Amino acid sequence: MKKQHRELSDEALELIAARFRVLAEPMRLKILNALGEVELNVNEIVEATGSGQANISKHLGILFNEGLVARRKEGLNTYYSVADKQIFALCENVCASVDEHLATKQRAFKRGATK
Protein backbone atom coordinates (compact mmCIF):
# COMPACT_ATOMS: atom_id res chain seq x y z
CA MET A 1 0.00 0.00 0.00
CA LYS A 2 1.51 3.29 -1.11
CA LYS A 3 1.46 6.19 1.34
CA GLN A 4 -0.10 9.42 0.19
CA HIS A 5 2.26 12.38 -0.18
CA ARG A 6 1.64 14.97 2.51
CA GLU A 7 2.14 18.67 1.90
CA LEU A 8 4.07 20.24 4.76
CA SER A 9 4.40 23.87 5.70
CA ASP A 10 7.78 25.41 6.47
CA GLU A 11 6.81 25.45 10.16
CA ALA A 12 5.96 21.74 10.09
CA LEU A 13 9.23 20.94 8.37
CA GLU A 14 11.14 22.88 11.03
CA LEU A 15 9.38 20.95 13.81
CA ILE A 16 10.20 17.65 12.10
CA ALA A 17 13.83 18.69 11.60
CA ALA A 18 14.05 19.69 15.28
CA ARG A 19 12.82 16.22 16.31
CA PHE A 20 15.47 14.60 14.11
CA ARG A 21 18.15 16.89 15.58
CA VAL A 22 17.21 15.73 19.07
CA LEU A 23 17.48 12.11 17.95
CA ALA A 24 20.78 12.69 16.10
CA GLU A 25 22.70 12.49 19.39
CA PRO A 26 23.82 8.89 20.15
CA MET A 27 23.63 9.37 23.94
CA ARG A 28 19.96 10.38 23.70
CA LEU A 29 19.24 7.23 21.70
CA LYS A 30 21.14 5.23 24.32
CA ILE A 31 18.99 6.77 27.06
CA LEU A 32 15.76 6.03 25.19
CA ASN A 33 16.95 2.48 24.58
CA ALA A 34 17.79 2.05 28.29
CA LEU A 35 14.35 3.29 29.28
CA GLY A 36 12.52 1.08 26.79
CA GLU A 37 9.32 0.07 28.55
CA VAL A 38 10.61 0.72 32.09
CA GLU A 39 10.91 3.69 34.38
CA LEU A 40 14.38 4.53 35.72
CA ASN A 41 15.87 7.19 37.96
CA VAL A 42 18.94 9.18 36.93
CA ASN A 43 21.36 6.90 38.79
CA GLU A 44 19.93 3.85 37.04
CA ILE A 45 20.24 5.58 33.67
CA VAL A 46 23.84 6.53 34.49
CA GLU A 47 24.56 2.87 35.29
CA ALA A 48 22.78 1.60 32.16
CA THR A 49 24.55 4.00 29.80
CA GLY A 50 27.97 4.25 31.41
CA SER A 51 27.89 8.04 31.17
CA GLY A 52 28.24 10.68 33.89
CA GLN A 53 25.33 12.10 35.85
CA ALA A 54 25.76 15.67 34.54
CA ASN A 55 25.77 14.44 30.93
CA ILE A 56 22.69 12.26 31.49
CA SER A 57 20.84 15.09 33.23
CA LYS A 58 21.58 17.44 30.32
CA HIS A 59 20.26 14.96 27.75
CA LEU A 60 17.22 14.07 29.86
CA GLY A 61 16.35 17.77 30.00
CA ILE A 62 16.45 17.99 26.21
CA LEU A 63 14.40 14.81 25.80
CA PHE A 64 11.88 16.08 28.35
CA ASN A 65 11.56 19.50 26.69
CA GLU A 66 10.89 17.77 23.35
CA GLY A 67 8.18 15.58 24.91
CA LEU A 68 10.07 12.34 24.34
CA VAL A 69 10.39 11.44 28.02
CA ALA A 70 8.14 12.00 31.01
CA ARG A 71 9.31 12.42 34.57
CA ARG A 72 7.82 12.06 38.00
CA LYS A 73 9.18 12.85 41.46
CA GLU A 74 9.12 10.37 44.28
CA GLY A 75 10.84 11.66 47.38
CA LEU A 76 14.35 12.71 46.39
CA ASN A 77 14.31 10.67 43.17
CA THR A 78 13.09 11.66 39.75
CA TYR A 79 11.96 8.79 37.55
CA TYR A 80 11.97 8.96 33.76
CA SER A 81 10.02 6.98 31.19
CA VAL A 82 9.45 7.20 27.45
CA ALA A 83 6.50 9.51 26.84
CA ASP A 84 6.30 9.12 23.06
CA LYS A 85 6.19 5.40 22.26
CA GLN A 86 6.08 6.24 18.53
CA ILE A 87 9.81 6.85 18.81
CA PHE A 88 10.35 3.07 18.91
CA ALA A 89 8.54 2.59 15.60
CA LEU A 90 10.71 5.31 14.07
CA CYS A 91 13.86 3.65 15.42
CA GLU A 92 12.76 0.25 14.07
CA ASN A 93 12.22 1.77 10.62
CA VAL A 94 15.63 3.43 10.68
CA CYS A 95 17.31 0.23 11.91
CA ALA A 96 15.68 -1.78 9.11
CA SER A 97 16.82 0.79 6.56
CA VAL A 98 20.39 0.78 7.92
CA ASP A 99 20.44 -3.06 7.90
CA GLU A 100 19.29 -3.10 4.28
CA HIS A 101 21.83 -0.46 3.27
CA LEU A 102 24.70 -2.33 4.96
CA ALA A 103 23.62 -5.65 3.40
CA THR A 104 23.65 -4.04 -0.05
CA LYS A 105 27.15 -2.67 0.56
CA GLN A 106 28.35 -6.02 1.85
CA ARG A 107 27.00 -7.86 -1.22
CA ALA A 108 28.72 -5.33 -3.50
CA PHE A 109 31.98 -5.74 -1.58
CA LYS A 110 31.83 -9.54 -1.82
CA ARG A 111 31.17 -9.37 -5.58
CA GLY A 112 34.15 -7.05 -5.98
CA ALA A 113 36.41 -9.26 -3.84
CA THR A 114 35.66 -12.38 -5.91
CA LYS A 115 36.58 -10.83 -9.28
C-alpha atoms as a PDB file:
ATOM      1  CA  MET A   1       0.000   0.000   0.000  1.00  0.00           C
ATOM      2  CA  LYS A   2       1.514   3.287  -1.109  1.00  0.00           C
ATOM      3  CA  LYS A   3       1.456   6.195   1.338  1.00  0.00           C
ATOM      4  CA  GLN A   4      -0.095   9.417   0.187  1.00  0.00           C
ATOM      5  CA  HIS A   5       2.259  12.376  -0.176  1.00  0.00           C
ATOM      6  CA  ARG A   6       1.638  14.973   2.513  1.00  0.00           C
ATOM      7  CA  GLU A   7       2.139  18.668   1.896  1.00  0.00           C
ATOM      8  CA  LEU A   8       4.070  20.237   4.760  1.00  0.00           C
ATOM      9  CA  SER A   9       4.399  23.867   5.702  1.00  0.00           C
ATOM     10  CA  ASP A  10       7.780  25.405   6.470  1.00  0.00           C
ATOM     11  CA  GLU A  11       6.812  25.450  10.157  1.00  0.00           C
ATOM     12  CA  ALA A  12       5.956  21.744  10.092  1.00  0.00           C
ATOM     13  CA  LEU A  13       9.234  20.936   8.368  1.00  0.00           C
ATOM     14  CA  GLU A  14      11.140  22.880  11.026  1.00  0.00           C
ATOM     15  CA  LEU A  15       9.385  20.948  13.812  1.00  0.00           C
ATOM     16  CA  ILE A  16      10.202  17.647  12.099  1.00  0.00           C
ATOM     17  CA  ALA A  17      13.832  18.691  11.605  1.00  0.00           C
ATOM     18  CA  ALA A  18      14.045  19.689  15.279  1.00  0.00           C
ATOM     19  CA  ARG A  19      12.823  16.224  16.309  1.00  0.00           C
ATOM     20  CA  PHE A  20      15.471  14.600  14.113  1.00  0.00           C
ATOM     21  CA  ARG A  21      18.152  16.893  15.576  1.00  0.00           C
ATOM     22  CA  VAL A  22      17.207  15.728  19.071  1.00  0.00           C
ATOM     23  CA  LEU A  23      17.480  12.111  17.947  1.00  0.00           C
ATOM     24  CA  ALA A  24      20.775  12.691  16.103  1.00  0.00           C
ATOM     25  CA  GLU A  25      22.704  12.485  19.386  1.00  0.00           C
ATOM     26  CA  PRO A  26      23.816   8.890  20.155  1.00  0.00           C
ATOM     27  CA  MET A  27      23.632   9.366  23.937  1.00  0.00           C
ATOM     28  CA  ARG A  28      19.962  10.378  23.698  1.00  0.00           C
ATOM     29  CA  LEU A  29      19.243   7.232  21.700  1.00  0.00           C
ATOM     30  CA  LYS A  30      21.138   5.232  24.316  1.00  0.00           C
ATOM     31  CA  ILE A  31      18.988   6.774  27.061  1.00  0.00           C
ATOM     32  CA  LEU A  32      15.757   6.029  25.191  1.00  0.00           C
ATOM     33  CA  ASN A  33      16.951   2.477  24.579  1.00  0.00           C
ATOM     34  CA  ALA A  34      17.786   2.045  28.287  1.00  0.00           C
ATOM     35  CA  LEU A  35      14.352   3.289  29.277  1.00  0.00           C
ATOM     36  CA  GLY A  36      12.525   1.077  26.795  1.00  0.00           C
ATOM     37  CA  GLU A  37       9.321   0.069  28.548  1.00  0.00           C
ATOM     38  CA  VAL A  38      10.613   0.720  32.087  1.00  0.00           C
ATOM     39  CA  GLU A  39      10.908   3.693  34.382  1.00  0.00           C
ATOM     40  CA  LEU A  40      14.382   4.530  35.717  1.00  0.00           C
ATOM     41  CA  ASN A  41      15.875   7.185  37.963  1.00  0.00           C
ATOM     42  CA  VAL A  42      18.936   9.183  36.934  1.00  0.00           C
ATOM     43  CA  ASN A  43      21.356   6.904  38.789  1.00  0.00           C
ATOM     44  CA  GLU A  44      19.935   3.845  37.045  1.00  0.00           C
ATOM     45  CA  ILE A  45      20.238   5.580  33.672  1.00  0.00           C
ATOM     46  CA  VAL A  46      23.842   6.530  34.486  1.00  0.00           C
ATOM     47  CA  GLU A  47      24.560   2.874  35.285  1.00  0.00           C
ATOM     48  CA  ALA A  48      22.777   1.597  32.159  1.00  0.00           C
ATOM     49  CA  THR A  49      24.550   4.003  29.798  1.00  0.00           C
ATOM     50  CA  GLY A  50      27.968   4.253  31.409  1.00  0.00           C
ATOM     51  CA  SER A  51      27.891   8.042  31.175  1.00  0.00           C
ATOM     52  CA  GLY A  52      28.239  10.684  33.888  1.00  0.00           C
ATOM     53  CA  GLN A  53      25.329  12.104  35.851  1.00  0.00           C
ATOM     54  CA  ALA A  54      25.763  15.671  34.545  1.00  0.00           C
ATOM     55  CA  ASN A  55      25.772  14.435  30.934  1.00  0.00           C
ATOM     56  CA  ILE A  56      22.695  12.259  31.486  1.00  0.00           C
ATOM     57  CA  SER A  57      20.836  15.086  33.226  1.00  0.00           C
ATOM     58  CA  LYS A  58      21.580  17.443  30.324  1.00  0.00           C
ATOM     59  CA  HIS A  59      20.260  14.960  27.754  1.00  0.00           C
ATOM     60  CA  LEU A  60      17.221  14.067  29.858  1.00  0.00           C
ATOM     61  CA  GLY A  61      16.350  17.770  29.997  1.00  0.00           C
ATOM     62  CA  ILE A  62      16.454  17.994  26.212  1.00  0.00           C
ATOM     63  CA  LEU A  63      14.400  14.807  25.796  1.00  0.00           C
ATOM     64  CA  PHE A  64      11.879  16.081  28.353  1.00  0.00           C
ATOM     65  CA  ASN A  65      11.561  19.497  26.685  1.00  0.00           C
ATOM     66  CA  GLU A  66      10.887  17.770  23.355  1.00  0.00           C
ATOM     67  CA  GLY A  67       8.185  15.582  24.914  1.00  0.00           C
ATOM     68  CA  LEU A  68      10.067  12.336  24.335  1.00  0.00           C
ATOM     69  CA  VAL A  69      10.389  11.435  28.022  1.00  0.00           C
ATOM     70  CA  ALA A  70       8.138  11.995  31.015  1.00  0.00           C
ATOM     71  CA  ARG A  71       9.309  12.417  34.575  1.00  0.00           C
ATOM     72  CA  ARG A  72       7.818  12.058  38.003  1.00  0.00           C
ATOM     73  CA  LYS A  73       9.180  12.855  41.459  1.00  0.00           C
ATOM     74  CA  GLU A  74       9.119  10.366  44.279  1.00  0.00           C
ATOM     75  CA  GLY A  75      10.836  11.658  47.379  1.00  0.00           C
ATOM     76  CA  LEU A  76      14.348  12.714  46.391  1.00  0.00           C
ATOM     77  CA  ASN A  77      14.313  10.673  43.175  1.00  0.00           C
ATOM     78  CA  THR A  78      13.093  11.664  39.747  1.00  0.00           C
ATOM     79  CA  TYR A  79      11.962   8.793  37.548  1.00  0.00           C
ATOM     80  CA  TYR A  80      11.968   8.956  33.765  1.00  0.00           C
ATOM     81  CA  SER A  81      10.019   6.981  31.195  1.00  0.00           C
ATOM     82  CA  VAL A  82       9.455   7.196  27.453  1.00  0.00           C
ATOM     83  CA  ALA A  83       6.501   9.513  26.836  1.00  0.00           C
ATOM     84  CA  ASP A  84       6.301   9.123  23.059  1.00  0.00           C
ATOM     85  CA  LYS A  85       6.194   5.401  22.262  1.00  0.00           C
ATOM     86  CA  GLN A  86       6.080   6.244  18.531  1.00  0.00           C
ATOM     87  CA  ILE A  87       9.809   6.846  18.814  1.00  0.00           C
ATOM     88  CA  PHE A  88      10.349   3.069  18.911  1.00  0.00           C
ATOM     89  CA  ALA A  89       8.542   2.588  15.602  1.00  0.00           C
ATOM     90  CA  LEU A  90      10.708   5.309  14.070  1.00  0.00           C
ATOM     91  CA  CYS A  91      13.862   3.649  15.415  1.00  0.00           C
ATOM     92  CA  GLU A  92      12.759   0.254  14.073  1.00  0.00           C
ATOM     93  CA  ASN A  93      12.217   1.768  10.621  1.00  0.00           C
ATOM     94  CA  VAL A  94      15.635   3.433  10.683  1.00  0.00           C
ATOM     95  CA  CYS A  95      17.308   0.233  11.906  1.00  0.00           C
ATOM     96  CA  ALA A  96      15.684  -1.781   9.106  1.00  0.00           C
ATOM     97  CA  SER A  97      16.822   0.791   6.562  1.00  0.00           C
ATOM     98  CA  VAL A  98      20.392   0.775   7.921  1.00  0.00           C
ATOM     99  CA  ASP A  99      20.442  -3.056   7.901  1.00  0.00           C
ATOM    100  CA  GLU A 100      19.289  -3.097   4.278  1.00  0.00           C
ATOM    101  CA  HIS A 101      21.830  -0.461   3.265  1.00  0.00           C
ATOM    102  CA  LEU A 102      24.697  -2.330   4.959  1.00  0.00           C
ATOM    103  CA  ALA A 103      23.623  -5.653   3.399  1.00  0.00           C
ATOM    104  CA  THR A 104      23.652  -4.045  -0.050  1.00  0.00           C
ATOM    105  CA  LYS A 105      27.150  -2.669   0.555  1.00  0.00           C
ATOM    106  CA  GLN A 106      28.349  -6.025   1.852  1.00  0.00           C
ATOM    107  CA  ARG A 107      27.004  -7.862  -1.218  1.00  0.00           C
ATOM    108  CA  ALA A 108      28.718  -5.326  -3.501  1.00  0.00           C
ATOM    109  CA  PHE A 109      31.977  -5.737  -1.582  1.00  0.00           C
ATOM    110  CA  LYS A 110      31.825  -9.545  -1.822  1.00  0.00           C
ATOM    111  CA  ARG A 111      31.173  -9.368  -5.584  1.00  0.00           C
ATOM    112  CA  GLY A 112      34.154  -7.050  -5.977  1.00  0.00           C
ATOM    113  CA  ALA A 113      36.406  -9.261  -3.840  1.00  0.00           C
ATOM    114  CA  THR A 114      35.659 -12.381  -5.913  1.00  0.00           C
ATOM    115  CA  LYS A 115      36.579 -10.834  -9.278  1.00  0.00           C
END
